[in-house]
PDB file of N, CA and C in Angstrom:
ATOM      1  N   GLN A   1     104.951  68.510  97.512  1.00  0.00           N
ATOM      2  CA  GLN A   1     105.463  67.318  96.899  1.00  0.00           C
ATOM      3  C   GLN A   1     104.502  66.854  95.808  1.00  0.00           C
ATOM      4  N   VAL A   2     105.058  66.139  94.852  1.00  0.00           N
ATOM      5  CA  VAL A   2     104.269  65.595  93.765  1.00  0.00           C
ATOM      6  C   VAL A   2     103.563  64.342  94.259  1.00  0.00           C
ATOM      7  N   GLN A   3     102.255  64.300  94.070  1.00  0.00           N
ATOM      8  CA  GLN A   3     101.492  63.161  94.545  1.00  0.00           C
ATOM      9  C   GLN A   3     100.247  62.970  93.693  1.00  0.00           C
ATOM     10  N   LEU A   4      99.903  61.711  93.444  1.00  0.00           N
ATOM     11  CA  LEU A   4      98.658  61.328  92.812  1.00  0.00           C
ATOM     12  C   LEU A   4      97.928  60.370  93.741  1.00  0.00           C
ATOM     13  N   VAL A   5      96.638  60.580  93.906  1.00  0.00           N
ATOM     14  CA  VAL A   5      95.828  59.756  94.784  1.00  0.00           C
ATOM     15  C   VAL A   5      94.613  59.262  94.016  1.00  0.00           C
ATOM     16  N   GLU A   6      94.484  57.942  93.923  1.00  0.00           N
ATOM     17  CA  GLU A   6      93.345  57.320  93.262  1.00  0.00           C
ATOM     18  C   GLU A   6      92.240  57.039  94.267  1.00  0.00           C
ATOM     19  N   SER A   7      91.002  57.138  93.814  1.00  0.00           N
ATOM     20  CA  SER A   7      89.862  56.809  94.649  1.00  0.00           C
ATOM     21  C   SER A   7      88.699  56.400  93.758  1.00  0.00           C
ATOM     22  N   GLY A   8      87.652  55.865  94.371  1.00  0.00           N
ATOM     23  CA  GLY A   8      86.438  55.529  93.655  1.00  0.00           C
ATOM     24  C   GLY A   8      86.222  54.058  93.391  1.00  0.00           C
ATOM     25  N   GLY A   9      87.180  53.218  93.744  1.00  0.00           N
ATOM     26  CA  GLY A   9      87.015  51.799  93.532  1.00  0.00           C
ATOM     27  C   GLY A   9      85.998  51.199  94.483  1.00  0.00           C
ATOM     28  N   GLY A  10      85.660  49.948  94.229  1.00  0.00           N
ATOM     29  CA  GLY A  10      84.699  49.257  95.055  1.00  0.00           C
ATOM     30  C   GLY A  10      84.278  47.951  94.442  1.00  0.00           C
ATOM     31  N   LEU A  11      83.233  47.369  95.012  1.00  0.00           N
ATOM     32  CA  LEU A  11      82.668  46.105  94.551  1.00  0.00           C
ATOM     33  C   LEU A  11      81.387  46.376  93.772  1.00  0.00           C
ATOM     34  N   VAL A  12      81.328  45.887  92.539  1.00  0.00           N
ATOM     35  CA  VAL A  12      80.138  46.039  91.703  1.00  0.00           C
ATOM     36  C   VAL A  12      79.842  44.724  91.007  1.00  0.00           C
ATOM     37  N   GLN A  13      78.589  44.557  90.600  1.00  0.00           N
ATOM     38  CA  GLN A  13      78.194  43.387  89.833  1.00  0.00           C
ATOM     39  C   GLN A  13      78.506  43.584  88.356  1.00  0.00           C
ATOM     40  N   PRO A  14      78.664  42.495  87.612  1.00  0.00           N
ATOM     41  CA  PRO A  14      78.865  42.639  86.170  1.00  0.00           C
ATOM     42  C   PRO A  14      77.779  43.497  85.537  1.00  0.00           C
ATOM     43  N   GLY A  15      78.201  44.373  84.634  1.00  0.00           N
ATOM     44  CA  GLY A  15      77.291  45.319  84.013  1.00  0.00           C
ATOM     45  C   GLY A  15      77.167  46.636  84.741  1.00  0.00           C
ATOM     46  N   GLY A  16      77.723  46.727  85.931  1.00  0.00           N
ATOM     47  CA  GLY A  16      77.654  47.941  86.709  1.00  0.00           C
ATOM     48  C   GLY A  16      78.679  48.969  86.284  1.00  0.00           C
ATOM     49  N   SER A  17      78.695  50.087  87.007  1.00  0.00           N
ATOM     50  CA  SER A  17      79.556  51.214  86.676  1.00  0.00           C
ATOM     51  C   SER A  17      80.268  51.742  87.900  1.00  0.00           C
ATOM     52  N   LEU A  18      81.441  52.303  87.679  1.00  0.00           N
ATOM     53  CA  LEU A  18      82.196  53.026  88.682  1.00  0.00           C
ATOM     54  C   LEU A  18      82.880  54.201  88.011  1.00  0.00           C
ATOM     55  N   ARG A  19      83.136  55.243  88.782  1.00  0.00           N
ATOM     56  CA  ARG A  19      83.960  56.347  88.310  1.00  0.00           C
ATOM     57  C   ARG A  19      85.156  56.499  89.233  1.00  0.00           C
ATOM     58  N   LEU A  20      86.338  56.324  88.675  1.00  0.00           N
ATOM     59  CA  LEU A  20      87.570  56.498  89.417  1.00  0.00           C
ATOM     60  C   LEU A  20      88.066  57.932  89.284  1.00  0.00           C
ATOM     61  N   SER A  21      88.704  58.423  90.337  1.00  0.00           N
ATOM     62  CA  SER A  21      89.284  59.755  90.340  1.00  0.00           C
ATOM     63  C   SER A  21      90.775  59.672  90.604  1.00  0.00           C
ATOM     64  N   CYS A  22      91.522  60.545  89.962  1.00  0.00           N
ATOM     65  CA  CYS A  22      92.960  60.684  90.153  1.00  0.00           C
ATOM     66  C   CYS A  22      93.222  62.137  90.491  1.00  0.00           C
ATOM     67  N   ALA A  23      93.460  62.415  91.760  1.00  0.00           N
ATOM     68  CA  ALA A  23      93.645  63.777  92.238  1.00  0.00           C
ATOM     69  C   ALA A  23      95.126  64.091  92.387  1.00  0.00           C
ATOM     70  N   ALA A  24      95.544  65.212  91.837  1.00  0.00           N
ATOM     71  CA  ALA A  24      96.947  65.614  91.849  1.00  0.00           C
ATOM     72  C   ALA A  24      97.193  66.704  92.876  1.00  0.00           C
ATOM     73  N   SER A  25      98.365  66.657  93.489  1.00  0.00           N
ATOM     74  CA  SER A  25      98.846  67.738  94.334  1.00  0.00           C
ATOM     75  C   SER A  25     100.318  67.970  94.023  1.00  0.00           C
ATOM     76  N   GLY A  26     100.762  69.202  94.178  1.00  0.00           N
ATOM     77  CA  GLY A  26     102.149  69.539  93.917  1.00  0.00           C
ATOM     78  C   GLY A  26     102.474  69.835  92.471  1.00  0.00           C
ATOM     79  N   PHE A  27     101.526  69.668  91.582  1.00  0.00           N
ATOM     80  CA  PHE A  27     101.718  69.988  90.174  1.00  0.00           C
ATOM     81  C   PHE A  27     100.356  70.091  89.511  1.00  0.00           C
ATOM     82  N   ARG A  28     100.335  70.627  88.307  1.00  0.00           N
ATOM     83  CA  ARG A  28      99.101  70.719  87.537  1.00  0.00           C
ATOM     84  C   ARG A  28      98.994  69.545  86.583  1.00  0.00           C
ATOM     85  N   LEU A  29      97.901  68.833  86.667  1.00  0.00           N
ATOM     86  CA  LEU A  29      97.682  67.720  85.761  1.00  0.00           C
ATOM     87  C   LEU A  29      97.651  68.157  84.303  1.00  0.00           C
ATOM     88  N   ASP A  30      97.240  69.379  84.039  1.00  0.00           N
ATOM     89  CA  ASP A  30      97.150  69.820  82.650  1.00  0.00           C
ATOM     90  C   ASP A  30      98.508  70.103  82.022  1.00  0.00           C
ATOM     91  N   ASN A  31      99.595  69.895  82.746  1.00  0.00           N
ATOM     92  CA  ASN A  31     100.942  69.964  82.187  1.00  0.00           C
ATOM     93  C   ASN A  31     101.499  68.591  81.824  1.00  0.00           C
ATOM     94  N   TYR A  32     100.697  67.545  81.994  1.00  0.00           N
ATOM     95  CA  TYR A  32     101.164  66.183  81.768  1.00  0.00           C
ATOM     96  C   TYR A  32     100.098  65.348  81.091  1.00  0.00           C
ATOM     97  N   GLY A  33     100.567  64.423  80.257  1.00  0.00           N
ATOM     98  CA  GLY A  33      99.698  63.328  79.895  1.00  0.00           C
ATOM     99  C   GLY A  33      99.500  62.429  81.101  1.00  0.00           C
ATOM    100  N   ILE A  34      98.284  61.992  81.318  1.00  0.00           N
ATOM    101  CA  ILE A  34      97.939  61.174  82.473  1.00  0.00           C
ATOM    102  C   ILE A  34      97.340  59.859  81.989  1.00  0.00           C
ATOM    103  N   ALA A  35      97.799  58.775  82.576  1.00  0.00           N
ATOM    104  CA  ALA A  35      97.347  57.453  82.178  1.00  0.00           C
ATOM    105  C   ALA A  35      96.771  56.690  83.355  1.00  0.00           C
ATOM    106  N   TRP A  36      95.859  55.782  83.040  1.00  0.00           N
ATOM    107  CA  TRP A  36      95.364  54.783  83.972  1.00  0.00           C
ATOM    108  C   TRP A  36      95.937  53.423  83.592  1.00  0.00           C
ATOM    109  N   PHE A  37      96.426  52.717  84.598  1.00  0.00           N
ATOM    110  CA  PHE A  37      96.892  51.345  84.468  1.00  0.00           C
ATOM    111  C   PHE A  37      96.104  50.475  85.433  1.00  0.00           C
ATOM    112  N   ARG A  38      96.182  49.165  85.224  1.00  0.00           N
ATOM    113  CA  ARG A  38      95.591  48.236  86.177  1.00  0.00           C
ATOM    114  C   ARG A  38      96.476  47.010  86.304  1.00  0.00           C
ATOM    115  N   GLN A  39      96.358  46.341  87.449  1.00  0.00           N
ATOM    116  CA  GLN A  39      97.211  45.196  87.722  1.00  0.00           C
ATOM    117  C   GLN A  39      96.485  44.192  88.609  1.00  0.00           C
ATOM    118  N   VAL A  40      96.640  42.919  88.263  1.00  0.00           N
ATOM    119  CA  VAL A  40      96.156  41.826  89.101  1.00  0.00           C
ATOM    120  C   VAL A  40      97.364  41.047  89.592  1.00  0.00           C
ATOM    121  N   PRO A  41      97.243  40.338  90.717  1.00  0.00           N
ATOM    122  CA  PRO A  41      98.395  39.601  91.242  1.00  0.00           C
ATOM    123  C   PRO A  41      98.970  38.629  90.219  1.00  0.00           C
ATOM    124  N   GLY A  42     100.286  38.633  90.112  1.00  0.00           N
ATOM    125  CA  GLY A  42     100.967  37.717  89.219  1.00  0.00           C
ATOM    126  C   GLY A  42     101.019  38.140  87.769  1.00  0.00           C
ATOM    127  N   LYS A  43     100.458  39.305  87.428  1.00  0.00           N
ATOM    128  CA  LYS A  43     100.467  39.771  86.051  1.00  0.00           C
ATOM    129  C   LYS A  43     101.086  41.164  85.984  1.00  0.00           C
ATOM    130  N   GLU A  44     101.553  41.499  84.805  1.00  0.00           N
ATOM    131  CA  GLU A  44     102.182  42.804  84.623  1.00  0.00           C
ATOM    132  C   GLU A  44     101.142  43.913  84.656  1.00  0.00           C
ATOM    133  N   ARG A  45     101.595  45.096  85.020  1.00  0.00           N
ATOM    134  CA  ARG A  45     100.721  46.256  85.024  1.00  0.00           C
ATOM    135  C   ARG A  45     100.354  46.619  83.590  1.00  0.00           C
ATOM    136  N   GLU A  46      99.060  46.768  83.331  1.00  0.00           N
ATOM    137  CA  GLU A  46      98.522  46.939  81.992  1.00  0.00           C
ATOM    138  C   GLU A  46      98.016  48.359  81.790  1.00  0.00           C
ATOM    139  N   GLY A  47      98.437  48.983  80.705  1.00  0.00           N
ATOM    140  CA  GLY A  47      97.913  50.292  80.367  1.00  0.00           C
ATOM    141  C   GLY A  47      96.467  50.210  79.925  1.00  0.00           C
ATOM    142  N   VAL A  48      95.628  51.092  80.444  1.00  0.00           N
ATOM    143  CA  VAL A  48      94.199  51.104  80.161  1.00  0.00           C
ATOM    144  C   VAL A  48      93.804  52.285  79.289  1.00  0.00           C
ATOM    145  N   SER A  49      94.263  53.481  79.652  1.00  0.00           N
ATOM    146  CA  SER A  49      93.838  54.691  78.960  1.00  0.00           C
ATOM    147  C   SER A  49      94.826  55.809  79.234  1.00  0.00           C
ATOM    148  N   CYS A  50      94.832  56.803  78.356  1.00  0.00           N
ATOM    149  CA  CYS A  50      95.686  57.972  78.533  1.00  0.00           C
ATOM    150  C   CYS A  50      94.996  59.182  77.928  1.00  0.00           C
ATOM    151  N   ILE A  51      95.223  60.338  78.538  1.00  0.00           N
ATOM    152  CA  ILE A  51      94.721  61.604  78.026  1.00  0.00           C
ATOM    153  C   ILE A  51      95.871  62.598  77.996  1.00  0.00           C
ATOM    154  N   THR A  52      96.024  63.314  76.893  1.00  0.00           N
ATOM    155  CA  THR A  52      97.094  64.283  76.761  1.00  0.00           C
ATOM    156  C   THR A  52      96.807  65.510  77.613  1.00  0.00           C
ATOM    157  N   SER A  53      97.826  66.357  77.783  1.00  0.00           N
ATOM    158  CA  SER A  53      97.676  67.536  78.634  1.00  0.00           C
ATOM    159  C   SER A  53      96.572  68.455  78.160  1.00  0.00           C
ATOM    160  N   SER A  54      96.401  68.559  76.848  1.00  0.00           N
ATOM    161  CA  SER A  54      95.363  69.419  76.285  1.00  0.00           C
ATOM    162  C   SER A  54      93.996  68.754  76.256  1.00  0.00           C
ATOM    163  N   GLY A  55      93.964  67.456  76.450  1.00  0.00           N
ATOM    164  CA  GLY A  55      92.732  66.714  76.281  1.00  0.00           C
ATOM    165  C   GLY A  55      92.414  66.365  74.844  1.00  0.00           C
ATOM    166  N   GLY A  56      93.282  66.792  73.914  1.00  0.00           N
ATOM    167  CA  GLY A  56      93.023  66.556  72.516  1.00  0.00           C
ATOM    168  C   GLY A  56      93.342  65.169  72.023  1.00  0.00           C
ATOM    169  N   GLY A  57      94.092  64.420  72.794  1.00  0.00           N
ATOM    170  CA  GLY A  57      94.408  63.061  72.440  1.00  0.00           C
ATOM    171  C   GLY A  57      93.977  62.119  73.542  1.00  0.00           C
ATOM    172  N   ILE A  58      93.203  61.117  73.186  1.00  0.00           N
ATOM    173  CA  ILE A  58      92.681  60.142  74.138  1.00  0.00           C
ATOM    174  C   ILE A  58      92.901  58.754  73.563  1.00  0.00           C
ATOM    175  N   TYR A  59      93.346  57.837  74.407  1.00  0.00           N
ATOM    176  CA  TYR A  59      93.698  56.498  73.958  1.00  0.00           C
ATOM    177  C   TYR A  59      93.155  55.477  74.941  1.00  0.00           C
ATOM    178  N   TYR A  60      92.720  54.331  74.401  1.00  0.00           N
ATOM    179  CA  TYR A  60      92.215  53.235  75.201  1.00  0.00           C
ATOM    180  C   TYR A  60      92.777  51.918  74.687  1.00  0.00           C
ATOM    181  N   THR A  61      93.023  51.016  75.596  1.00  0.00           N
ATOM    182  CA  THR A  61      93.343  49.666  75.174  1.00  0.00           C
ATOM    183  C   THR A  61      92.077  49.013  74.614  1.00  0.00           C
ATOM    184  N   ASP A  62      92.255  48.078  73.690  1.00  0.00           N
ATOM    185  CA  ASP A  62      91.113  47.527  72.958  1.00  0.00           C
ATOM    186  C   ASP A  62      90.052  46.924  73.871  1.00  0.00           C
ATOM    187  N   SER A  63      90.460  46.332  74.964  1.00  0.00           N
ATOM    188  CA  SER A  63      89.519  45.622  75.814  1.00  0.00           C
ATOM    189  C   SER A  63      88.521  46.530  76.527  1.00  0.00           C
ATOM    190  N   VAL A  64      88.784  47.845  76.572  1.00  0.00           N
ATOM    191  CA  VAL A  64      87.875  48.756  77.268  1.00  0.00           C
ATOM    192  C   VAL A  64      87.210  49.760  76.340  1.00  0.00           C
ATOM    193  N   LYS A  65      87.542  49.751  75.069  1.00  0.00           N
ATOM    194  CA  LYS A  65      86.942  50.692  74.129  1.00  0.00           C
ATOM    195  C   LYS A  65      85.428  50.526  74.092  1.00  0.00           C
ATOM    196  N   GLY A  66      84.736  51.648  74.133  1.00  0.00           N
ATOM    197  CA  GLY A  66      83.290  51.628  74.136  1.00  0.00           C
ATOM    198  C   GLY A  66      82.667  51.482  75.506  1.00  0.00           C
ATOM    199  N   ARG A  67      83.468  51.190  76.510  1.00  0.00           N
ATOM    200  CA  ARG A  67      82.968  51.015  77.872  1.00  0.00           C
ATOM    201  C   ARG A  67      83.540  52.034  78.851  1.00  0.00           C
ATOM    202  N   PHE A  68      84.807  52.408  78.685  1.00  0.00           N
ATOM    203  CA  PHE A  68      85.479  53.331  79.594  1.00  0.00           C
ATOM    204  C   PHE A  68      85.647  54.689  78.915  1.00  0.00           C
ATOM    205  N   THR A  69      85.615  55.744  79.721  1.00  0.00           N
ATOM    206  CA  THR A  69      85.818  57.094  79.231  1.00  0.00           C
ATOM    207  C   THR A  69      86.748  57.838  80.181  1.00  0.00           C
ATOM    208  N   ILE A  70      87.835  58.388  79.641  1.00  0.00           N
ATOM    209  CA  ILE A  70      88.758  59.188  80.433  1.00  0.00           C
ATOM    210  C   ILE A  70      88.448  60.664  80.202  1.00  0.00           C
ATOM    211  N   SER A  71      88.575  61.464  81.256  1.00  0.00           N
ATOM    212  CA  SER A  71      88.309  62.890  81.154  1.00  0.00           C
ATOM    213  C   SER A  71      89.109  63.616  82.224  1.00  0.00           C
ATOM    214  N   ARG A  72      89.115  64.938  82.144  1.00  0.00           N
ATOM    215  CA  ARG A  72      89.828  65.722  83.145  1.00  0.00           C
ATOM    216  C   ARG A  72      89.054  66.983  83.484  1.00  0.00           C
ATOM    217  N   ASP A  73      89.318  67.494  84.681  1.00  0.00           N
ATOM    218  CA  ASP A  73      88.695  68.708  85.176  1.00  0.00           C
ATOM    219  C   ASP A  73      89.817  69.573  85.728  1.00  0.00           C
ATOM    220  N   ASN A  74      90.229  70.570  84.972  1.00  0.00           N
ATOM    221  CA  ASN A  74      91.361  71.400  85.381  1.00  0.00           C
ATOM    222  C   ASN A  74      91.090  72.152  86.681  1.00  0.00           C
ATOM    223  N   ALA A  75      89.857  72.591  86.875  1.00  0.00           N
ATOM    224  CA  ALA A  75      89.526  73.332  88.085  1.00  0.00           C
ATOM    225  C   ALA A  75      89.736  72.500  89.339  1.00  0.00           C
ATOM    226  N   LYS A  76      89.551  71.196  89.227  1.00  0.00           N
ATOM    227  CA  LYS A  76      89.721  70.295  90.362  1.00  0.00           C
ATOM    228  C   LYS A  76      91.057  69.567  90.335  1.00  0.00           C
ATOM    229  N   ASN A  77      91.874  69.821  89.318  1.00  0.00           N
ATOM    230  CA  ASN A  77      93.174  69.167  89.169  1.00  0.00           C
ATOM    231  C   ASN A  77      93.024  67.650  89.267  1.00  0.00           C
ATOM    232  N   THR A  78      92.032  67.133  88.552  1.00  0.00           N
ATOM    233  CA  THR A  78      91.644  65.736  88.673  1.00  0.00           C
ATOM    234  C   THR A  78      91.376  65.135  87.301  1.00  0.00           C
ATOM    235  N   VAL A  79      91.777  63.887  87.137  1.00  0.00           N
ATOM    236  CA  VAL A  79      91.457  63.082  85.965  1.00  0.00           C
ATOM    237  C   VAL A  79      90.541  61.952  86.407  1.00  0.00           C
ATOM    238  N   TYR A  80      89.573  61.617  85.563  1.00  0.00           N
ATOM    239  CA  TYR A  80      88.579  60.604  85.883  1.00  0.00           C
ATOM    240  C   TYR A  80      88.641  59.447  84.894  1.00  0.00           C
ATOM    241  N   LEU A  81      88.176  58.310  85.348  1.00  0.00           N
ATOM    242  CA  LEU A  81      87.951  57.175  84.468  1.00  0.00           C
ATOM    243  C   LEU A  81      86.556  56.639  84.763  1.00  0.00           C
ATOM    244  N   GLN A  82      85.623  56.913  83.858  1.00  0.00           N
ATOM    245  CA  GLN A  82      84.272  56.386  83.967  1.00  0.00           C
ATOM    246  C   GLN A  82      84.255  54.991  83.360  1.00  0.00           C
ATOM    247  N   MET A  83      83.845  54.010  84.142  1.00  0.00           N
ATOM    248  CA  MET A  83      83.853  52.620  83.724  1.00  0.00           C
ATOM    249  C   MET A  83      82.425  52.108  83.719  1.00  0.00           C
ATOM    250  N   ASN A  84      81.929  51.759  82.547  1.00  0.00           N
ATOM    251  CA  ASN A  84      80.587  51.228  82.376  1.00  0.00           C
ATOM    252  C   ASN A  84      80.657  49.796  81.873  1.00  0.00           C
ATOM    253  N   SER A  85      79.541  49.096  81.990  1.00  0.00           N
ATOM    254  CA  SER A  85      79.436  47.714  81.513  1.00  0.00           C
ATOM    255  C   SER A  85      80.596  46.866  82.010  1.00  0.00           C
ATOM    256  N   LEU A  86      80.854  46.956  83.291  1.00  0.00           N
ATOM    257  CA  LEU A  86      82.018  46.286  83.856  1.00  0.00           C
ATOM    258  C   LEU A  86      81.899  44.774  83.767  1.00  0.00           C
ATOM    259  N   LYS A  87      83.040  44.146  83.556  1.00  0.00           N
ATOM    260  CA  LYS A  87      83.149  42.702  83.422  1.00  0.00           C
ATOM    261  C   LYS A  87      84.045  42.153  84.520  1.00  0.00           C
ATOM    262  N   PRO A  88      83.893  40.880  84.878  1.00  0.00           N
ATOM    263  CA  PRO A  88      84.782  40.307  85.888  1.00  0.00           C
ATOM    264  C   PRO A  88      86.261  40.466  85.555  1.00  0.00           C
ATOM    265  N   GLU A  89      86.611  40.420  84.283  1.00  0.00           N
ATOM    266  CA  GLU A  89      88.004  40.566  83.905  1.00  0.00           C
ATOM    267  C   GLU A  89      88.548  41.975  84.086  1.00  0.00           C
ATOM    268  N   ASP A  90      87.685  42.937  84.426  1.00  0.00           N
ATOM    269  CA  ASP A  90      88.139  44.272  84.777  1.00  0.00           C
ATOM    270  C   ASP A  90      88.631  44.359  86.220  1.00  0.00           C
ATOM    271  N   THR A  91      88.436  43.310  86.991  1.00  0.00           N
ATOM    272  CA  THR A  91      88.875  43.300  88.378  1.00  0.00           C
ATOM    273  C   THR A  91      90.387  43.489  88.456  1.00  0.00           C
ATOM    274  N   ALA A  92      90.824  44.482  89.218  1.00  0.00           N
ATOM    275  CA  ALA A  92      92.236  44.807  89.331  1.00  0.00           C
ATOM    276  C   ALA A  92      92.395  45.968  90.300  1.00  0.00           C
ATOM    277  N   VAL A  93      93.638  46.241  90.655  1.00  0.00           N
ATOM    278  CA  VAL A  93      93.975  47.501  91.293  1.00  0.00           C
ATOM    279  C   VAL A  93      94.275  48.500  90.186  1.00  0.00           C
ATOM    280  N   TYR A  94      93.627  49.643  90.234  1.00  0.00           N
ATOM    281  CA  TYR A  94      93.774  50.669  89.210  1.00  0.00           C
ATOM    282  C   TYR A  94      94.663  51.789  89.727  1.00  0.00           C
ATOM    283  N   TYR A  95      95.631  52.172  88.907  1.00  0.00           N
ATOM    284  CA  TYR A  95      96.597  53.209  89.233  1.00  0.00           C
ATOM    285  C   TYR A  95      96.550  54.315  88.193  1.00  0.00           C
ATOM    286  N   CYS A  96      96.850  55.526  88.612  1.00  0.00           N
ATOM    287  CA  CYS A  96      97.113  56.588  87.658  1.00  0.00           C
ATOM    288  C   CYS A  96      98.566  57.024  87.783  1.00  0.00           C
ATOM    289  N   ALA A  97      99.083  57.627  86.713  1.00  0.00           N
ATOM    290  CA  ALA A  97     100.464  58.069  86.665  1.00  0.00           C
ATOM    291  C   ALA A  97     100.592  59.172  85.631  1.00  0.00           C
ATOM    292  N   ARG A  98     101.643  59.962  85.743  1.00  0.00           N
ATOM    293  CA  ARG A  98     101.902  61.016  84.769  1.00  0.00           C
ATOM    294  C   ARG A  98     103.034  60.616  83.846  1.00  0.00           C
ATOM    295  N   SER A  99     103.022  61.163  82.646  1.00  0.00           N
ATOM    296  CA  SER A  99     104.077  60.873  81.689  1.00  0.00           C
ATOM    297  C   SER A  99     105.404  61.375  82.209  1.00  0.00           C
ATOM    298  N   GLY A 100     106.463  60.670  81.879  1.00  0.00           N
ATOM    299  CA  GLY A 100     107.782  60.985  82.393  1.00  0.00           C
ATOM    300  C   GLY A 100     108.395  62.201  81.740  1.00  0.00           C
ATOM    301  N   LEU A 101     109.343  62.818  82.445  1.00  0.00           N
ATOM    302  CA  LEU A 101     110.132  63.936  81.936  1.00  0.00           C
ATOM    303  C   LEU A 101     109.263  65.089  81.447  1.00  0.00           C
ATOM    304  N   GLY A 102     108.165  65.324  82.116  1.00  0.00           N
ATOM    305  CA  GLY A 102     107.304  66.442  81.787  1.00  0.00           C
ATOM    306  C   GLY A 102     106.581  66.335  80.465  1.00  0.00           C
ATOM    307  N   GLY A 103     106.386  65.118  79.979  1.00  0.00           N
ATOM    308  CA  GLY A 103     105.730  64.918  78.703  1.00  0.00           C
ATOM    309  C   GLY A 103     104.290  65.383  78.692  1.00  0.00           C
ATOM    310  N   LEU A 104     103.940  66.131  77.668  1.00  0.00           N
ATOM    311  CA  LEU A 104     102.577  66.638  77.537  1.00  0.00           C
ATOM    312  C   LEU A 104     101.629  65.638  76.889  1.00  0.00           C
ATOM    313  N   GLY A 105     102.182  64.730  76.150  1.00  0.00           N
ATOM    314  CA  GLY A 105     101.366  63.800  75.399  1.00  0.00           C
ATOM    315  C   GLY A 105     101.239  62.445  76.057  1.00  0.00           C
ATOM    316  N   CYS A 106     100.863  61.480  75.252  1.00  0.00           N
ATOM    317  CA  CYS A 106     100.706  60.104  75.706  1.00  0.00           C
ATOM    318  C   CYS A 106     101.704  59.226  74.973  1.00  0.00           C
ATOM    319  N   PRO A 107     102.793  58.872  75.629  1.00  0.00           N
ATOM    320  CA  PRO A 107     103.709  57.907  75.028  1.00  0.00           C
ATOM    321  C   PRO A 107     103.105  56.507  75.070  1.00  0.00           C
ATOM    322  N   ARG A 108     103.837  55.548  74.569  1.00  0.00           N
ATOM    323  CA  ARG A 108     103.369  54.165  74.620  1.00  0.00           C
ATOM    324  C   ARG A 108     103.061  53.788  76.065  1.00  0.00           C
ATOM    325  N   LEU A 109     101.976  53.079  76.272  1.00  0.00           N
ATOM    326  CA  LEU A 109     101.482  52.788  77.615  1.00  0.00           C
ATOM    327  C   LEU A 109     102.252  51.644  78.249  1.00  0.00           C
ATOM    328  N   THR A 110     103.472  51.950  78.646  1.00  0.00           N
ATOM    329  CA  THR A 110     104.297  51.027  79.403  1.00  0.00           C
ATOM    330  C   THR A 110     104.689  51.684  80.713  1.00  0.00           C
ATOM    331  N   VAL A 111     104.941  50.865  81.716  1.00  0.00           N
ATOM    332  CA  VAL A 111     105.263  51.377  83.042  1.00  0.00           C
ATOM    333  C   VAL A 111     106.468  52.305  82.996  1.00  0.00           C
ATOM    334  N   SER A 112     107.458  51.984  82.177  1.00  0.00           N
ATOM    335  CA  SER A 112     108.689  52.756  82.140  1.00  0.00           C
ATOM    336  C   SER A 112     108.500  54.172  81.628  1.00  0.00           C
ATOM    337  N   ASN A 113     107.411  54.448  80.936  1.00  0.00           N
ATOM    338  CA  ASN A 113     107.162  55.778  80.383  1.00  0.00           C
ATOM    339  C   ASN A 113     106.381  56.687  81.324  1.00  0.00           C
ATOM    340  N   PHE A 114     106.019  56.201  82.491  1.00  0.00           N
ATOM    341  CA  PHE A 114     105.201  56.956  83.429  1.00  0.00           C
ATOM    342  C   PHE A 114     105.793  56.882  84.823  1.00  0.00           C
ATOM    343  N   GLY A 115     105.412  57.840  85.651  1.00  0.00           N
ATOM    344  CA  GLY A 115     105.912  57.884  87.012  1.00  0.00           C
ATOM    345  C   GLY A 115     104.931  58.549  87.951  1.00  0.00           C
ATOM    346  N   SER A 116     105.405  58.824  89.160  1.00  0.00           N
ATOM    347  CA  SER A 116     104.598  59.429  90.221  1.00  0.00           C
ATOM    348  C   SER A 116     103.339  58.617  90.493  1.00  0.00           C
ATOM    349  N   TRP A 117     103.501  57.323  90.569  1.00  0.00           N
ATOM    350  CA  TRP A 117     102.379  56.412  90.774  1.00  0.00           C
ATOM    351  C   TRP A 117     101.684  56.644  92.103  1.00  0.00           C
ATOM    352  N   GLY A 118     100.359  56.563  92.069  1.00  0.00           N
ATOM    353  CA  GLY A 118      99.603  56.566  93.303  1.00  0.00           C
ATOM    354  C   GLY A 118      99.602  55.192  93.951  1.00  0.00           C
ATOM    355  N   GLN A 119      98.823  55.069  95.026  1.00  0.00           N
ATOM    356  CA  GLN A 119      98.747  53.810  95.759  1.00  0.00           C
ATOM    357  C   GLN A 119      97.747  52.829  95.163  1.00  0.00           C
ATOM    358  N   GLY A 120      96.893  53.299  94.275  1.00  0.00           N
ATOM    359  CA  GLY A 120      95.940  52.442  93.612  1.00  0.00           C
ATOM    360  C   GLY A 120      94.617  52.350  94.346  1.00  0.00           C
ATOM    361  N   THR A 121      93.590  51.956  93.604  1.00  0.00           N
ATOM    362  CA  THR A 121      92.274  51.729  94.173  1.00  0.00           C
ATOM    363  C   THR A 121      91.727  50.420  93.614  1.00  0.00           C
ATOM    364  N   GLN A 122      91.172  49.591  94.494  1.00  0.00           N
ATOM    365  CA  GLN A 122      90.726  48.259  94.114  1.00  0.00           C
ATOM    366  C   GLN A 122      89.359  48.317  93.448  1.00  0.00           C
ATOM    367  N   VAL A 123      89.255  47.666  92.297  1.00  0.00           N
ATOM    368  CA  VAL A 123      87.987  47.475  91.598  1.00  0.00           C
ATOM    369  C   VAL A 123      87.719  45.979  91.532  1.00  0.00           C
ATOM    370  N   THR A 124      86.581  45.559  92.048  1.00  0.00           N
ATOM    371  CA  THR A 124      86.192  44.153  92.021  1.00  0.00           C
ATOM    372  C   THR A 124      84.829  44.037  91.349  1.00  0.00           C
ATOM    373  N   VAL A 125      84.758  43.218  90.308  1.00  0.00           N
ATOM    374  CA  VAL A 125      83.523  43.003  89.557  1.00  0.00           C
ATOM    375  C   VAL A 125      83.134  41.540  89.744  1.00  0.00           C
ATOM    376  N   SER A 126      82.065  41.300  90.470  1.00  0.00           N
ATOM    377  CA  SER A 126      81.675  39.940  90.805  1.00  0.00           C
ATOM    378  C   SER A 126      80.194  39.893  91.139  1.00  0.00           C
ATOM    379  N   SER A 127      79.570  38.765  90.819  1.00  0.00           N
ATOM    380  CA  SER A 127      78.180  38.539  91.192  1.00  0.00           C
ATOM    381  C   SER A 127      78.065  37.781  92.506  1.00  0.00           C
TER     382      SER A 127
END
């Protein structure tokens, strides 16, 4: 079955770092654009970053540019999100998803363009 599982979240102080992992089963991540989203209670799910199937295209929302880095490891069928210089406003549940209809690239970062959502991993940034 197609499944994505997020891990790596936790509690960190402002300025700290975390690395999130998105592990795929039932398909190859390198056949899909993969995105990270985040969501806090009462707010819409927000696109954070996306990487194309080839790794040649990488996109970030403005609020994380210069702090977050998305990457992939084909041998491990895993996509990562390295988060540095974390801020309290980064607190959210982080999800990964694949582009819909077998898309290789990164469409606009909206929920409707992605699927196969994982269960999410909680990131809390607080002193």
